[in-house]
PDB file of N, CA and C in Angstrom:
ATOM      1  N   MET A   1     -27.615 -44.753 -56.266  1.00  0.00           N
ATOM      2  CA  MET A   1     -27.788 -46.187 -56.373  1.00  0.00           C
ATOM      3  C   MET A   1     -26.544 -46.856 -55.824  1.00  0.00           C
ATOM      4  N   THR A   2     -26.728 -47.982 -55.184  1.00  0.00           N
ATOM      5  CA  THR A   2     -25.631 -48.767 -54.631  1.00  0.00           C
ATOM      6  C   THR A   2     -25.777 -50.207 -55.093  1.00  0.00           C
ATOM      7  N   VAL A   3     -24.665 -50.789 -55.519  1.00  0.00           N
ATOM      8  CA  VAL A   3     -24.622 -52.195 -55.908  1.00  0.00           C
ATOM      9  C   VAL A   3     -23.550 -52.862 -55.048  1.00  0.00           C
ATOM     10  N   ILE A   4     -23.897 -53.968 -54.395  1.00  0.00           N
ATOM     11  CA  ILE A   4     -22.955 -54.708 -53.562  1.00  0.00           C
ATOM     12  C   ILE A   4     -22.852 -56.126 -54.105  1.00  0.00           C
ATOM     13  N   LEU A   5     -21.624 -56.553 -54.392  1.00  0.00           N
ATOM     14  CA  LEU A   5     -21.344 -57.933 -54.776  1.00  0.00           C
ATOM     15  C   LEU A   5     -20.666 -58.571 -53.576  1.00  0.00           C
ATOM     16  N   ALA A   6     -21.289 -59.581 -52.998  1.00  0.00           N
ATOM     17  CA  ALA A   6     -20.817 -60.152 -51.737  1.00  0.00           C
ATOM     18  C   ALA A   6     -20.366 -61.594 -51.908  1.00  0.00           C
ATOM     19  N   ASN A   7     -19.355 -61.969 -51.137  1.00  0.00           N
ATOM     20  CA  ASN A   7     -18.866 -63.355 -51.086  1.00  0.00           C
ATOM     21  C   ASN A   7     -18.886 -63.819 -49.641  1.00  0.00           C
ATOM     22  N   ASP A   8     -19.367 -65.028 -49.394  1.00  0.00           N
ATOM     23  CA  ASP A   8     -19.354 -65.635 -48.060  1.00  0.00           C
ATOM     24  C   ASP A   8     -19.989 -64.729 -47.007  1.00  0.00           C
ATOM     25  N   THR A   9     -21.154 -64.197 -47.320  1.00  0.00           N
ATOM     26  CA  THR A   9     -21.838 -63.283 -46.414  1.00  0.00           C
ATOM     27  C   THR A   9     -22.562 -64.059 -45.313  1.00  0.00           C
ATOM     28  N   PRO A  10     -22.335 -63.715 -44.040  1.00  0.00           N
ATOM     29  CA  PRO A  10     -23.076 -64.371 -42.959  1.00  0.00           C
ATOM     30  C   PRO A  10     -24.573 -64.065 -43.059  1.00  0.00           C
ATOM     31  N   ASP A  11     -25.393 -64.966 -42.520  1.00  0.00           N
ATOM     32  CA  ASP A  11     -26.845 -64.803 -42.614  1.00  0.00           C
ATOM     33  C   ASP A  11     -27.329 -63.500 -41.980  1.00  0.00           C
ATOM     34  N   ALA A  12     -26.726 -63.085 -40.867  1.00  0.00           N
ATOM     35  CA  ALA A  12     -27.158 -61.854 -40.195  1.00  0.00           C
ATOM     36  C   ALA A  12     -26.910 -60.633 -41.083  1.00  0.00           C
ATOM     37  N   VAL A  13     -25.761 -60.577 -41.724  1.00  0.00           N
ATOM     38  CA  VAL A  13     -25.439 -59.446 -42.596  1.00  0.00           C
ATOM     39  C   VAL A  13     -26.320 -59.494 -43.844  1.00  0.00           C
ATOM     40  N   ARG A  14     -26.495 -60.668 -44.390  1.00  0.00           N
ATOM     41  CA  ARG A  14     -27.326 -60.812 -45.592  1.00  0.00           C
ATOM     42  C   ARG A  14     -28.770 -60.410 -45.307  1.00  0.00           C
ATOM     43  N   GLY A  15     -29.288 -60.803 -44.141  1.00  0.00           N
ATOM     44  CA  GLY A  15     -30.644 -60.416 -43.752  1.00  0.00           C
ATOM     45  C   GLY A  15     -30.793 -58.917 -43.597  1.00  0.00           C
ATOM     46  N   MET A  16     -29.770 -58.271 -43.027  1.00  0.00           N
ATOM     47  CA  MET A  16     -29.811 -56.829 -42.875  1.00  0.00           C
ATOM     48  C   MET A  16     -29.767 -56.138 -44.240  1.00  0.00           C
ATOM     49  N   LEU A  17     -28.941 -56.662 -45.146  1.00  0.00           N
ATOM     50  CA  LEU A  17     -28.861 -56.077 -46.487  1.00  0.00           C
ATOM     51  C   LEU A  17     -30.202 -56.166 -47.210  1.00  0.00           C
ATOM     52  N   LYS A  18     -30.954 -57.237 -46.947  1.00  0.00           N
ATOM     53  CA  LYS A  18     -32.257 -57.404 -47.605  1.00  0.00           C
ATOM     54  C   LYS A  18     -33.280 -56.385 -47.119  1.00  0.00           C
ATOM     55  N   ARG A  19     -33.025 -55.725 -45.996  1.00  0.00           N
ATOM     56  CA  ARG A  19     -33.921 -54.653 -45.545  1.00  0.00           C
ATOM     57  C   ARG A  19     -33.847 -53.448 -46.468  1.00  0.00           C
ATOM     58  N   TRP A  20     -32.658 -53.175 -46.975  1.00  0.00           N
ATOM     59  CA  TRP A  20     -32.414 -51.955 -47.727  1.00  0.00           C
ATOM     60  C   TRP A  20     -32.264 -52.175 -49.229  1.00  0.00           C
ATOM     61  N   PHE A  21     -31.981 -53.409 -49.636  1.00  0.00           N
ATOM     62  CA  PHE A  21     -31.682 -53.693 -51.037  1.00  0.00           C
ATOM     63  C   PHE A  21     -32.558 -54.822 -51.557  1.00  0.00           C
ATOM     64  N   ILE A  22     -32.700 -54.893 -52.875  1.00  0.00           N
ATOM     65  CA  ILE A  22     -33.272 -56.086 -53.479  1.00  0.00           C
ATOM     66  C   ILE A  22     -32.102 -56.999 -53.825  1.00  0.00           C
ATOM     67  N   GLU A  23     -32.362 -58.276 -53.963  1.00  0.00           N
ATOM     68  CA  GLU A  23     -31.322 -59.258 -54.287  1.00  0.00           C
ATOM     69  C   GLU A  23     -31.720 -59.963 -55.584  1.00  0.00           C
ATOM     70  N   PRO A  24     -31.418 -59.343 -56.754  1.00  0.00           N
ATOM     71  CA  PRO A  24     -31.845 -59.928 -58.027  1.00  0.00           C
ATOM     72  C   PRO A  24     -31.173 -61.255 -58.340  1.00  0.00           C
ATOM     73  N   ARG A  25     -29.977 -61.466 -57.839  1.00  0.00           N
ATOM     74  CA  ARG A  25     -29.253 -62.737 -57.957  1.00  0.00           C
ATOM     75  C   ARG A  25     -28.626 -63.007 -56.604  1.00  0.00           C
ATOM     76  N   PRO A  26     -28.296 -64.255 -56.309  1.00  0.00           N
ATOM     77  CA  PRO A  26     -27.672 -64.530 -55.013  1.00  0.00           C
ATOM     78  C   PRO A  26     -26.402 -63.702 -54.812  1.00  0.00           C
ATOM     79  N   ASN A  27     -26.334 -63.063 -53.660  1.00  0.00           N
ATOM     80  CA  ASN A  27     -25.183 -62.262 -53.229  1.00  0.00           C
ATOM     81  C   ASN A  27     -24.947 -61.008 -54.072  1.00  0.00           C
ATOM     82  N   VAL A  28     -25.960 -60.534 -54.795  1.00  0.00           N
ATOM     83  CA  VAL A  28     -25.891 -59.259 -55.512  1.00  0.00           C
ATOM     84  C   VAL A  28     -27.032 -58.401 -54.953  1.00  0.00           C
ATOM     85  N   PHE A  29     -26.683 -57.267 -54.363  1.00  0.00           N
ATOM     86  CA  PHE A  29     -27.665 -56.395 -53.730  1.00  0.00           C
ATOM     87  C   PHE A  29     -27.684 -55.049 -54.441  1.00  0.00           C
ATOM     88  N   VAL A  30     -28.887 -54.555 -54.752  1.00  0.00           N
ATOM     89  CA  VAL A  30     -29.045 -53.302 -55.486  1.00  0.00           C
ATOM     90  C   VAL A  30     -30.090 -52.450 -54.766  1.00  0.00           C
ATOM     91  N   GLY A  31     -29.756 -51.175 -54.559  1.00  0.00           N
ATOM     92  CA  GLY A  31     -30.714 -50.292 -53.913  1.00  0.00           C
ATOM     93  C   GLY A  31     -30.253 -48.849 -53.950  1.00  0.00           C
ATOM     94  N   THR A  32     -31.123 -47.972 -53.477  1.00  0.00           N
ATOM     95  CA  THR A  32     -30.823 -46.550 -53.402  1.00  0.00           C
ATOM     96  C   THR A  32     -30.955 -46.120 -51.950  1.00  0.00           C
ATOM     97  N   LEU A  33     -29.891 -45.539 -51.425  1.00  0.00           N
ATOM     98  CA  LEU A  33     -29.871 -45.077 -50.041  1.00  0.00           C
ATOM     99  C   LEU A  33     -29.482 -43.613 -49.998  1.00  0.00           C
ATOM    100  N   ASN A  34     -30.006 -42.898 -49.017  1.00  0.00           N
ATOM    101  CA  ASN A  34     -29.526 -41.541 -48.820  1.00  0.00           C
ATOM    102  C   ASN A  34     -28.149 -41.632 -48.149  1.00  0.00           C
ATOM    103  N   PRO A  35     -27.360 -40.564 -48.156  1.00  0.00           N
ATOM    104  CA  PRO A  35     -25.992 -40.641 -47.617  1.00  0.00           C
ATOM    105  C   PRO A  35     -25.914 -41.115 -46.166  1.00  0.00           C
ATOM    106  N   ARG A  36     -26.866 -40.700 -45.340  1.00  0.00           N
ATOM    107  CA  ARG A  36     -26.838 -41.117 -43.926  1.00  0.00           C
ATOM    108  C   ARG A  36     -27.046 -42.620 -43.792  1.00  0.00           C
ATOM    109  N   ASN A  37     -28.063 -43.165 -44.465  1.00  0.00           N
ATOM    110  CA  ASN A  37     -28.313 -44.609 -44.394  1.00  0.00           C
ATOM    111  C   ASN A  37     -27.183 -45.402 -45.035  1.00  0.00           C
ATOM    112  N   HIS A  38     -26.615 -44.866 -46.116  1.00  0.00           N
ATOM    113  CA  HIS A  38     -25.480 -45.536 -46.750  1.00  0.00           C
ATOM    114  C   HIS A  38     -24.326 -45.673 -45.760  1.00  0.00           C
ATOM    115  N   ALA A  39     -24.009 -44.602 -45.046  1.00  0.00           N
ATOM    116  CA  ALA A  39     -22.925 -44.646 -44.057  1.00  0.00           C
ATOM    117  C   ALA A  39     -23.229 -45.649 -42.950  1.00  0.00           C
ATOM    118  N   LYS A  40     -24.483 -45.694 -42.481  1.00  0.00           N
ATOM    119  CA  LYS A  40     -24.853 -46.644 -41.425  1.00  0.00           C
ATOM    120  C   LYS A  40     -24.759 -48.088 -41.904  1.00  0.00           C
ATOM    121  N   VAL A  41     -25.229 -48.349 -43.124  1.00  0.00           N
ATOM    122  CA  VAL A  41     -25.172 -49.711 -43.670  1.00  0.00           C
ATOM    123  C   VAL A  41     -23.725 -50.160 -43.848  1.00  0.00           C
ATOM    124  N   MET A  42     -22.876 -49.290 -44.389  1.00  0.00           N
ATOM    125  CA  MET A  42     -21.473 -49.650 -44.593  1.00  0.00           C
ATOM    126  C   MET A  42     -20.772 -49.876 -43.257  1.00  0.00           C
ATOM    127  N   ASP A  43     -21.095 -49.073 -42.256  1.00  0.00           N
ATOM    128  CA  ASP A  43     -20.519 -49.261 -40.918  1.00  0.00           C
ATOM    129  C   ASP A  43     -20.947 -50.608 -40.345  1.00  0.00           C
ATOM    130  N   TYR A  44     -22.233 -50.953 -40.514  1.00  0.00           N
ATOM    131  CA  TYR A  44     -22.732 -52.244 -40.021  1.00  0.00           C
ATOM    132  C   TYR A  44     -22.003 -53.401 -40.711  1.00  0.00           C
ATOM    133  N   ILE A  45     -21.825 -53.295 -42.006  1.00  0.00           N
ATOM    134  CA  ILE A  45     -21.129 -54.357 -42.745  1.00  0.00           C
ATOM    135  C   ILE A  45     -19.707 -54.510 -42.241  1.00  0.00           C
ATOM    136  N   ARG A  46     -18.987 -53.407 -42.068  1.00  0.00           N
ATOM    137  CA  ARG A  46     -17.594 -53.477 -41.598  1.00  0.00           C
ATOM    138  C   ARG A  46     -17.494 -54.077 -40.203  1.00  0.00           C
ATOM    139  N   ARG A  47     -18.428 -53.730 -39.314  1.00  0.00           N
ATOM    140  CA  ARG A  47     -18.378 -54.218 -37.931  1.00  0.00           C
ATOM    141  C   ARG A  47     -18.786 -55.683 -37.807  1.00  0.00           C
ATOM    142  N   ASN A  48     -19.705 -56.162 -38.648  1.00  0.00           N
ATOM    143  CA  ASN A  48     -20.290 -57.491 -38.456  1.00  0.00           C
ATOM    144  C   ASN A  48     -19.874 -58.543 -39.465  1.00  0.00           C
ATOM    145  N   SER A  49     -19.007 -58.209 -40.393  1.00  0.00           N
ATOM    146  CA  SER A  49     -18.559 -59.182 -41.387  1.00  0.00           C
ATOM    147  C   SER A  49     -17.248 -59.811 -40.933  1.00  0.00           C
ATOM    148  N   PRO A  50     -17.134 -61.127 -41.028  1.00  0.00           N
ATOM    149  CA  PRO A  50     -15.860 -61.772 -40.695  1.00  0.00           C
ATOM    150  C   PRO A  50     -14.802 -61.427 -41.742  1.00  0.00           C
ATOM    151  N   PRO A  51     -13.526 -61.604 -41.410  1.00  0.00           N
ATOM    152  CA  PRO A  51     -12.447 -61.229 -42.337  1.00  0.00           C
ATOM    153  C   PRO A  51     -12.511 -61.937 -43.688  1.00  0.00           C
ATOM    154  N   GLU A  52     -13.056 -63.153 -43.745  1.00  0.00           N
ATOM    155  CA  GLU A  52     -13.103 -63.876 -45.019  1.00  0.00           C
ATOM    156  C   GLU A  52     -14.253 -63.426 -45.917  1.00  0.00           C
ATOM    157  N   CYS A  53     -15.159 -62.614 -45.391  1.00  0.00           N
ATOM    158  CA  CYS A  53     -16.282 -62.094 -46.170  1.00  0.00           C
ATOM    159  C   CYS A  53     -15.785 -60.944 -47.036  1.00  0.00           C
ATOM    160  N   GLY A  54     -15.925 -61.076 -48.342  1.00  0.00           N
ATOM    161  CA  GLY A  54     -15.472 -60.032 -49.253  1.00  0.00           C
ATOM    162  C   GLY A  54     -16.633 -59.362 -49.948  1.00  0.00           C
ATOM    163  N   MET A  55     -16.530 -58.054 -50.112  1.00  0.00           N
ATOM    164  CA  MET A  55     -17.581 -57.309 -50.793  1.00  0.00           C
ATOM    165  C   MET A  55     -16.969 -56.261 -51.704  1.00  0.00           C
ATOM    166  N   LEU A  56     -17.606 -56.088 -52.830  1.00  0.00           N
ATOM    167  CA  LEU A  56     -17.272 -55.017 -53.759  1.00  0.00           C
ATOM    168  C   LEU A  56     -18.493 -54.112 -53.798  1.00  0.00           C
ATOM    169  N   VAL A  57     -18.306 -52.847 -53.430  1.00  0.00           N
ATOM    170  CA  VAL A  57     -19.408 -51.895 -53.327  1.00  0.00           C
ATOM    171  C   VAL A  57     -19.200 -50.798 -54.368  1.00  0.00           C
ATOM    172  N   ILE A  58     -20.200 -50.589 -55.203  1.00  0.00           N
ATOM    173  CA  ILE A  58     -20.178 -49.522 -56.199  1.00  0.00           C
ATOM    174  C   ILE A  58     -21.377 -48.631 -55.902  1.00  0.00           C
ATOM    175  N   CYS A  59     -21.108 -47.356 -55.624  1.00  0.00           N
ATOM    176  CA  CYS A  59     -22.209 -46.460 -55.269  1.00  0.00           C
ATOM    177  C   CYS A  59     -22.084 -45.132 -55.999  1.00  0.00           C
ATOM    178  N   SER A  60     -23.229 -44.520 -56.234  1.00  0.00           N
ATOM    179  CA  SER A  60     -23.286 -43.218 -56.906  1.00  0.00           C
ATOM    180  C   SER A  60     -22.625 -42.163 -56.032  1.00  0.00           C
ATOM    181  N   GLN A  61     -21.837 -41.298 -56.659  1.00  0.00           N
ATOM    182  CA  GLN A  61     -21.180 -40.193 -55.965  1.00  0.00           C
ATOM    183  C   GLN A  61     -21.145 -38.988 -56.891  1.00  0.00           C
ATOM    184  N   PRO A  62     -21.163 -37.780 -56.335  1.00  0.00           N
ATOM    185  CA  PRO A  62     -21.088 -36.586 -57.184  1.00  0.00           C
ATOM    186  C   PRO A  62     -19.640 -36.262 -57.555  1.00  0.00           C
ATOM    187  N   ASN A  63     -19.026 -37.122 -58.339  1.00  0.00           N
ATOM    188  CA  ASN A  63     -17.664 -36.883 -58.828  1.00  0.00           C
ATOM    189  C   ASN A  63     -17.678 -36.975 -60.352  1.00  0.00           C
ATOM    190  N   CYS A  64     -16.512 -36.855 -60.975  1.00  0.00           N
ATOM    191  CA  CYS A  64     -16.477 -36.827 -62.444  1.00  0.00           C
ATOM    192  C   CYS A  64     -16.928 -38.145 -63.070  1.00  0.00           C
ATOM    193  N   GLN A  65     -16.732 -39.277 -62.380  1.00  0.00           N
ATOM    194  CA  GLN A  65     -17.175 -40.560 -62.924  1.00  0.00           C
ATOM    195  C   GLN A  65     -18.624 -40.870 -62.573  1.00  0.00           C
ATOM    196  N   GLY A  66     -19.123 -40.279 -61.505  1.00  0.00           N
ATOM    197  CA  GLY A  66     -20.499 -40.518 -61.095  1.00  0.00           C
ATOM    198  C   GLY A  66     -20.657 -41.705 -60.166  1.00  0.00           C
ATOM    199  N   TYR A  67     -19.555 -42.365 -59.794  1.00  0.00           N
ATOM    200  CA  TYR A  67     -19.613 -43.503 -58.883  1.00  0.00           C
ATOM    201  C   TYR A  67     -18.296 -43.631 -58.123  1.00  0.00           C
ATOM    202  N   GLU A  68     -18.340 -44.471 -57.092  1.00  0.00           N
ATOM    203  CA  GLU A  68     -17.166 -44.752 -56.274  1.00  0.00           C
ATOM    204  C   GLU A  68     -17.102 -46.266 -56.059  1.00  0.00           C
ATOM    205  N   ILE A  69     -15.909 -46.825 -56.090  1.00  0.00           N
ATOM    206  CA  ILE A  69     -15.717 -48.257 -55.886  1.00  0.00           C
ATOM    207  C   ILE A  69     -15.025 -48.462 -54.549  1.00  0.00           C
ATOM    208  N   GLU A  70     -15.557 -49.368 -53.740  1.00  0.00           N
ATOM    209  CA  GLU A  70     -14.956 -49.684 -52.448  1.00  0.00           C
ATOM    210  C   GLU A  70     -14.895 -51.194 -52.280  1.00  0.00           C
ATOM    211  N   ARG A  71     -13.788 -51.685 -51.772  1.00  0.00           N
ATOM    212  CA  ARG A  71     -13.636 -53.114 -51.491  1.00  0.00           C
ATOM    213  C   ARG A  71     -13.566 -53.322 -49.991  1.00  0.00           C
ATOM    214  N   ILE A  72     -14.264 -54.345 -49.526  1.00  0.00           N
ATOM    215  CA  ILE A  72     -14.224 -54.730 -48.121  1.00  0.00           C
ATOM    216  C   ILE A  72     -13.781 -56.179 -48.080  1.00  0.00           C
ATOM    217  N   GLY A  73     -12.616 -56.443 -47.494  1.00  0.00           N
ATOM    218  CA  GLY A  73     -12.090 -57.798 -47.413  1.00  0.00           C
ATOM    219  C   GLY A  73     -11.686 -58.318 -48.779  1.00  0.00           C
ATOM    220  N   PRO A  74     -11.389 -59.621 -48.854  1.00  0.00           N
ATOM    221  CA  PRO A  74     -11.014 -60.206 -50.152  1.00  0.00           C
ATOM    222  C   PRO A  74     -12.250 -60.391 -51.020  1.00  0.00           C
ATOM    223  N   CYS A  75     -12.297 -59.727 -52.163  1.00  0.00           N
ATOM    224  CA  CYS A  75     -13.508 -59.789 -52.993  1.00  0.00           C
ATOM    225  C   CYS A  75     -13.348 -60.732 -54.185  1.00  0.00           C
ATOM    226  N   GLY A  76     -12.331 -61.567 -54.179  1.00  0.00           N
ATOM    227  CA  GLY A  76     -12.173 -62.524 -55.257  1.00  0.00           C
ATOM    228  C   GLY A  76     -11.636 -61.917 -56.537  1.00  0.00           C
ATOM    229  N   CYS A  77     -10.981 -60.793 -56.437  1.00  0.00           N
ATOM    230  CA  CYS A  77     -10.437 -60.099 -57.613  1.00  0.00           C
ATOM    231  C   CYS A  77      -8.932 -60.339 -57.673  1.00  0.00           C
ATOM    232  N   GLN A  78      -8.530 -61.582 -57.803  1.00  0.00           N
ATOM    233  CA  GLN A  78      -7.109 -61.891 -57.814  1.00  0.00           C
ATOM    234  C   GLN A  78      -6.415 -61.170 -58.957  1.00  0.00           C
ATOM    235  N   GLY A  79      -5.311 -60.516 -58.628  1.00  0.00           N
ATOM    236  CA  GLY A  79      -4.526 -59.849 -59.641  1.00  0.00           C
ATOM    237  C   GLY A  79      -5.019 -58.466 -60.020  1.00  0.00           C
ATOM    238  N   ARG A  80      -6.146 -58.045 -59.500  1.00  0.00           N
ATOM    239  CA  ARG A  80      -6.678 -56.714 -59.821  1.00  0.00           C
ATOM    240  C   ARG A  80      -6.441 -55.794 -58.635  1.00  0.00           C
ATOM    241  N   LYS A  81      -5.957 -54.612 -58.938  1.00  0.00           N
ATOM    242  CA  LYS A  81      -5.614 -53.658 -57.889  1.00  0.00           C
ATOM    243  C   LYS A  81      -6.334 -52.338 -58.150  1.00  0.00           C
ATOM    244  N   PRO A  82      -7.198 -51.909 -57.210  1.00  0.00           N
ATOM    245  CA  PRO A  82      -7.871 -50.619 -57.416  1.00  0.00           C
ATOM    246  C   PRO A  82      -6.906 -49.471 -57.142  1.00  0.00           C
ATOM    247  N   GLU A  83      -6.950 -48.466 -57.981  1.00  0.00           N
ATOM    248  CA  GLU A  83      -6.097 -47.285 -57.834  1.00  0.00           C
ATOM    249  C   GLU A  83      -6.908 -46.049 -58.180  1.00  0.00           C
ATOM    250  N   VAL A  84      -6.582 -44.951 -57.538  1.00  0.00           N
ATOM    251  CA  VAL A  84      -7.178 -43.665 -57.875  1.00  0.00           C
ATOM    252  C   VAL A  84      -6.049 -42.795 -58.401  1.00  0.00           C
ATOM    253  N   ILE A  85      -6.147 -42.419 -59.667  1.00  0.00           N
ATOM    254  CA  ILE A  85      -5.123 -41.604 -60.317  1.00  0.00           C
ATOM    255  C   ILE A  85      -5.787 -40.330 -60.805  1.00  0.00           C
ATOM    256  N   SER A  86      -5.324 -39.200 -60.299  1.00  0.00           N
ATOM    257  CA  SER A  86      -5.878 -37.886 -60.644  1.00  0.00           C
ATOM    258  C   SER A  86      -7.380 -37.823 -60.402  1.00  0.00           C
ATOM    259  N   GLY A  87      -7.833 -38.475 -59.332  1.00  0.00           N
ATOM    260  CA  GLY A  87      -9.239 -38.451 -58.974  1.00  0.00           C
ATOM    261  C   GLY A  87     -10.114 -39.414 -59.743  1.00  0.00           C
ATOM    262  N   ILE A  88      -9.530 -40.244 -60.592  1.00  0.00           N
ATOM    263  CA  ILE A  88     -10.301 -41.203 -61.387  1.00  0.00           C
ATOM    264  C   ILE A  88     -10.016 -42.610 -60.869  1.00  0.00           C
ATOM    265  N   ALA A  89     -11.070 -43.342 -60.533  1.00  0.00           N
ATOM    266  CA  ALA A  89     -10.927 -44.708 -60.035  1.00  0.00           C
ATOM    267  C   ALA A  89     -10.653 -45.651 -61.194  1.00  0.00           C
ATOM    268  N   LEU A  90      -9.576 -46.399 -61.090  1.00  0.00           N
ATOM    269  CA  LEU A  90      -9.194 -47.373 -62.107  1.00  0.00           C
ATOM    270  C   LEU A  90      -8.948 -48.715 -61.446  1.00  0.00           C
ATOM    271  N   VAL A  91      -9.027 -49.780 -62.222  1.00  0.00           N
ATOM    272  CA  VAL A  91      -8.697 -51.115 -61.735  1.00  0.00           C
ATOM    273  C   VAL A  91      -7.583 -51.641 -62.632  1.00  0.00           C
ATOM    274  N   ALA A  92      -6.406 -51.833 -62.043  1.00  0.00           N
ATOM    275  CA  ALA A  92      -5.252 -52.321 -62.789  1.00  0.00           C
ATOM    276  C   ALA A  92      -5.306 -53.844 -62.843  1.00  0.00           C
ATOM    277  N   GLU A  93      -5.303 -54.394 -64.040  1.00  0.00           N
ATOM    278  CA  GLU A  93      -5.311 -55.843 -64.190  1.00  0.00           C
ATOM    279  C   GLU A  93      -3.910 -56.413 -64.087  1.00  0.00           C
ATOM    280  N   GLN A  94      -2.932 -55.615 -64.470  1.00  0.00           N
ATOM    281  CA  GLN A  94      -1.539 -56.037 -64.353  1.00  0.00           C
ATOM    282  C   GLN A  94      -0.776 -54.840 -63.820  1.00  0.00           C
ATOM    283  N   TRP A  95       0.014 -55.058 -62.794  1.00  0.00           N
ATOM    284  CA  TRP A  95       0.690 -53.963 -62.136  1.00  0.00           C
ATOM    285  C   TRP A  95       2.190 -54.121 -62.309  1.00  0.00           C
ATOM    286  N   LEU A  96       2.829 -53.113 -62.892  1.00  0.00           N
ATOM    287  CA  LEU A  96       4.276 -53.114 -63.069  1.00  0.00           C
ATOM    288  C   LEU A  96       4.883 -52.144 -62.072  1.00  0.00           C
ATOM    289  N   GLU A  97       6.002 -52.520 -61.484  1.00  0.00           N
ATOM    290  CA  GLU A  97       6.696 -51.621 -60.578  1.00  0.00           C
ATOM    291  C   GLU A  97       7.248 -50.450 -61.374  1.00  0.00           C
ATOM    292  N   ALA A  98       7.417 -49.309 -60.735  1.00  0.00           N
ATOM    293  CA  ALA A  98       7.815 -48.075 -61.409  1.00  0.00           C
ATOM    294  C   ALA A  98       9.124 -48.219 -62.164  1.00  0.00           C
ATOM    295  N   GLU A  99      10.072 -48.978 -61.626  1.00  0.00           N
ATOM    296  CA  GLU A  99      11.367 -49.098 -62.296  1.00  0.00           C
ATOM    297  C   GLU A  99      11.317 -50.003 -63.522  1.00  0.00           C
ATOM    298  N   LYS A 100      10.228 -50.765 -63.714  1.00  0.00           N
ATOM    299  CA  LYS A 100      10.118 -51.672 -64.852  1.00  0.00           C
ATOM    300  C   LYS A 100       9.269 -51.120 -65.992  1.00  0.00           C
ATOM    301  N   ILE A 101       8.715 -49.929 -65.815  1.00  0.00           N
ATOM    302  CA  ILE A 101       7.839 -49.352 -66.837  1.00  0.00           C
ATOM    303  C   ILE A 101       8.696 -48.836 -67.995  1.00  0.00           C
ATOM    304  N   PRO A 102       8.431 -49.319 -69.226  1.00  0.00           N
ATOM    305  CA  PRO A 102       9.215 -48.846 -70.359  1.00  0.00           C
ATOM    306  C   PRO A 102       8.717 -47.485 -70.858  1.00  0.00           C
ATOM    307  N   PHE A 103       9.501 -46.440 -70.628  1.00  0.00           N
ATOM    308  CA  PHE A 103       9.150 -45.096 -71.095  1.00  0.00           C
ATOM    309  C   PHE A 103      10.140 -44.654 -72.130  1.00  0.00           C
TER     310      PHE A 103
END
């Protein structure tokens, strides 16, 4: 399963997404793609989206969490930083530099 949260999506990209996904709410796309189609759709989005178009993509993967998070452009997540630590995807809401961490 793939879930895409999109911001400022051009009509051409949005129309293409509607071929493969349902849109239960504006700019929220949900669907199931095989790995080949998923790669083609993501490539199309990267090639045809302007820099101000932001997307957050969450898709099923055979890893310990069962999903993968990918950001394309600015997705409106001010102050949140995605990190992968020991193979686990996390989203840091507040980021401290290494020298400021109290241990």
